[in-house]
Amino acid sequence: MKKLPARFQAPLTTFFVSVMMSCIVSCISILRALGLPPDFLGIWMKAWGISWLIAFPCLMVILPLARRLAG
């Protein structure tokens, strides 16, 4: 199995973190706001998509800053 070049590690990590975090947070937010409506999955997927569109670019900016602050 080939490894991707190191230069892709940061953007891919950011991508995967943004996908997982926006998924979890949007699910919890929808459940808290609406309970479990019959069309939950559709509502959640729409909210997740919008959340991810915001989360990914924000993390691209915030993660390097957080790494510098932690270092």
Protein backbone atom coordinates (compact mmCIF):
# COMPACT_ATOMS: atom_id res chain seq x y z
CA MET A 1 0.00 0.00 0.00
CA LYS A 2 1.41 3.37 -1.01
CA LYS A 3 1.50 6.29 1.37
CA LEU A 4 0.51 9.76 0.33
CA PRO A 5 3.21 12.43 0.39
CA ALA A 6 3.63 14.22 3.72
CA ARG A 7 2.39 17.49 2.22
CA PHE A 8 -1.12 16.00 2.03
CA GLN A 9 -1.21 14.97 5.68
CA ALA A 10 -2.43 18.28 7.13
CA PRO A 11 -5.24 18.90 4.60
CA LEU A 12 -6.42 15.28 4.82
CA THR A 13 -6.38 15.33 8.61
CA THR A 14 -8.37 18.57 8.53
CA PHE A 15 -10.82 17.03 6.06
CA PHE A 16 -11.46 13.94 8.19
CA VAL A 17 -11.71 15.89 11.45
CA SER A 18 -14.18 18.35 9.90
CA VAL A 19 -16.32 15.52 8.49
CA MET A 20 -16.49 13.65 11.80
CA MET A 21 -16.96 16.66 14.05
CA SER A 22 -19.62 18.34 11.89
CA CYS A 23 -21.44 14.98 11.69
CA ILE A 24 -21.49 14.53 15.46
CA VAL A 25 -22.33 18.13 16.32
CA SER A 26 -25.09 18.46 13.70
CA CYS A 27 -26.66 15.18 14.87
CA ILE A 28 -26.69 16.27 18.50
CA SER A 29 -28.01 19.72 17.60
CA ILE A 30 -30.86 18.32 15.50
CA LEU A 31 -31.79 15.77 18.18
CA ARG A 32 -31.80 18.45 20.87
CA ALA A 33 -33.83 20.90 18.80
CA LEU A 34 -36.35 18.54 17.18
CA GLY A 35 -36.19 15.24 18.98
CA LEU A 36 -36.44 12.32 16.56
CA PRO A 37 -38.84 13.37 13.78
CA PRO A 38 -39.79 10.89 11.03
CA ASP A 39 -37.62 12.74 8.49
CA PHE A 40 -34.63 12.98 10.86
CA LEU A 41 -32.12 11.53 8.41
CA GLY A 42 -32.94 14.07 5.68
CA ILE A 43 -32.86 16.99 8.09
CA TRP A 44 -29.59 15.77 9.57
CA MET A 45 -27.88 15.27 6.20
CA LYS A 46 -28.85 18.78 5.10
CA ALA A 47 -27.60 20.26 8.38
CA TRP A 48 -24.43 18.17 8.16
CA GLY A 49 -23.67 19.39 4.65
CA ILE A 50 -24.03 23.03 5.64
CA SER A 51 -22.03 22.45 8.83
CA TRP A 52 -19.20 20.80 6.93
CA LEU A 53 -19.04 23.62 4.37
CA ILE A 54 -18.36 25.97 7.27
CA ALA A 55 -16.24 23.62 9.41
CA PHE A 56 -13.65 22.62 6.81
CA PRO A 57 -12.38 26.09 5.84
CA CYS A 58 -12.53 27.23 9.48
CA LEU A 59 -10.36 24.29 10.54
CA MET A 60 -7.90 24.98 7.71
CA VAL A 61 -7.30 28.36 9.38
CA ILE A 62 -7.69 27.38 13.04
CA LEU A 63 -5.63 24.15 13.22
CA PRO A 64 -2.27 25.71 12.25
CA LEU A 65 -2.90 28.45 14.82
CA ALA A 66 -3.82 25.87 17.48
CA ARG A 67 -0.65 23.88 16.71
CA ARG A 68 1.47 27.00 17.14
CA LEU A 69 -0.24 27.90 20.40
CA ALA A 70 0.16 24.36 21.73
CA GLY A 71 3.82 24.24 20.66
